Amino acid sequence: MAYSQRLYTAVSQADMKMLGVRLGAVCIDAKIPVQVIARWMGISRQGVYLWFTGATDVADRHREKVESLIDVLLDALEENALPVPKLARALEIVEEYQARGR
């Protein structure tokens, strides 16, 4: 699932100190779609887009889960486990990494 050029640009120009922007950059690299993040977090896709672009920051109640997800995705990227061509396999990989104790 590819992200739009508009989103790439918005994320690259946003403040990487913001947790949601960091999540956006990692998700783009790992090719994890917004709708998957929205489902995992229990929020709307629009909410995820707002995080990714820095329009809003991650609410305190979501911070720990987002930080953990970023760690999981970065670990998978570092070990070349992500990205993969099939979304179903990407989701399996993330679940495997989460089960490792992240």
Protein backbone atom coordinates (compact mmCIF):
# COMPACT_ATOMS: atom_id res chain seq x y z
CA MET A 1 0.00 0.00 0.00
CA ALA A 2 1.62 3.19 -1.15
CA TYR A 3 1.16 6.55 0.50
CA SER A 4 0.45 9.66 -1.54
CA GLN A 5 3.18 12.11 -2.45
CA ARG A 6 1.22 14.73 -0.54
CA LEU A 7 1.48 12.68 2.66
CA TYR A 8 5.19 11.96 2.10
CA THR A 9 5.78 15.68 1.78
CA ALA A 10 3.64 16.58 4.81
CA VAL A 11 5.41 14.03 7.03
CA SER A 12 8.87 15.04 5.82
CA GLN A 13 8.14 18.71 6.59
CA ALA A 14 6.52 18.08 9.98
CA ASP A 15 8.25 18.23 13.36
CA MET A 16 9.91 14.83 13.94
CA LYS A 17 9.89 15.55 17.68
CA MET A 18 6.16 14.83 17.61
CA LEU A 19 5.34 11.21 18.35
CA GLY A 20 2.67 10.94 15.65
CA VAL A 21 5.01 12.30 12.99
CA ARG A 22 7.65 9.75 13.98
CA LEU A 23 5.01 7.03 13.73
CA GLY A 24 4.08 8.31 10.28
CA ALA A 25 7.66 8.22 9.05
CA VAL A 26 8.16 4.68 10.33
CA CYS A 27 4.85 3.48 8.87
CA ILE A 28 5.78 4.92 5.49
CA ASP A 29 9.14 3.11 5.59
CA ALA A 30 7.49 -0.14 6.74
CA LYS A 31 4.59 0.29 4.28
CA ILE A 32 1.98 -0.12 7.01
CA PRO A 33 -1.27 1.56 5.89
CA VAL A 34 -3.12 4.21 7.87
CA GLN A 35 -6.22 2.05 8.18
CA VAL A 36 -4.19 -0.63 9.98
CA ILE A 37 -2.83 1.90 12.48
CA ALA A 38 -6.33 3.30 12.97
CA ARG A 39 -7.68 -0.17 13.71
CA TRP A 40 -4.84 -0.99 16.14
CA MET A 41 -5.26 2.30 17.95
CA GLY A 42 -9.05 2.37 17.94
CA ILE A 43 -9.23 5.78 16.28
CA SER A 44 -10.30 7.09 12.89
CA ARG A 45 -8.07 7.13 9.82
CA GLN A 46 -8.39 10.92 9.85
CA GLY A 47 -6.99 10.94 13.39
CA VAL A 48 -3.98 8.94 12.23
CA TYR A 49 -3.42 11.31 9.30
CA LEU A 50 -3.52 14.24 11.73
CA TRP A 51 -0.86 12.53 13.88
CA PHE A 52 1.31 11.71 10.85
CA THR A 53 1.28 15.31 9.59
CA GLY A 54 1.74 16.89 13.01
CA ALA A 55 -1.62 18.66 12.89
CA THR A 56 -2.39 17.09 16.29
CA ASP A 57 -0.23 15.23 18.75
CA VAL A 58 -0.88 11.78 20.14
CA ALA A 59 -3.16 11.92 23.18
CA ASP A 60 -1.65 10.80 26.47
CA ARG A 61 -3.90 7.73 26.56
CA HIS A 62 -2.32 6.50 23.29
CA ARG A 63 1.31 7.47 23.84
CA GLU A 64 2.57 4.22 25.36
CA LYS A 65 0.97 2.07 22.65
CA VAL A 66 2.33 4.33 19.88
CA GLU A 67 5.83 4.32 21.38
CA SER A 68 5.71 0.52 21.56
CA LEU A 69 4.49 0.26 17.97
CA ILE A 70 7.29 2.53 16.75
CA ASP A 71 9.83 0.33 18.55
CA VAL A 72 8.35 -2.83 17.02
CA LEU A 73 8.37 -1.37 13.51
CA LEU A 74 11.91 -0.03 13.85
CA ASP A 75 13.14 -3.43 15.07
CA ALA A 76 11.48 -5.14 12.10
CA LEU A 77 12.94 -2.60 9.68
CA GLU A 78 16.44 -2.94 11.16
CA GLU A 79 16.27 -6.72 10.74
CA ASN A 80 14.94 -6.32 7.18
CA ALA A 81 11.72 -8.09 8.14
CA LEU A 82 9.75 -5.11 6.78
CA PRO A 83 8.65 -3.92 4.33
CA VAL A 84 7.13 -6.94 2.60
CA PRO A 85 4.94 -6.99 -0.50
CA LYS A 86 1.88 -8.49 1.17
CA LEU A 87 0.02 -6.63 3.90
CA ALA A 88 -1.06 -9.86 5.59
CA ARG A 89 2.59 -10.87 6.04
CA ALA A 90 3.46 -7.42 7.37
CA LEU A 91 0.75 -7.75 9.99
CA GLU A 92 2.04 -11.19 10.99
CA ILE A 93 5.55 -9.80 11.37
CA VAL A 94 4.35 -6.92 13.56
CA GLU A 95 2.41 -9.37 15.74
CA GLU A 96 5.51 -11.60 16.05
CA TYR A 97 7.61 -8.63 17.14
CA GLN A 98 4.97 -7.49 19.60
CA ALA A 99 4.87 -10.98 21.10
CA ARG A 100 8.60 -10.72 21.79
CA GLY A 101 7.77 -8.40 24.61
CA ARG A 102 7.51 -4.96 23.08
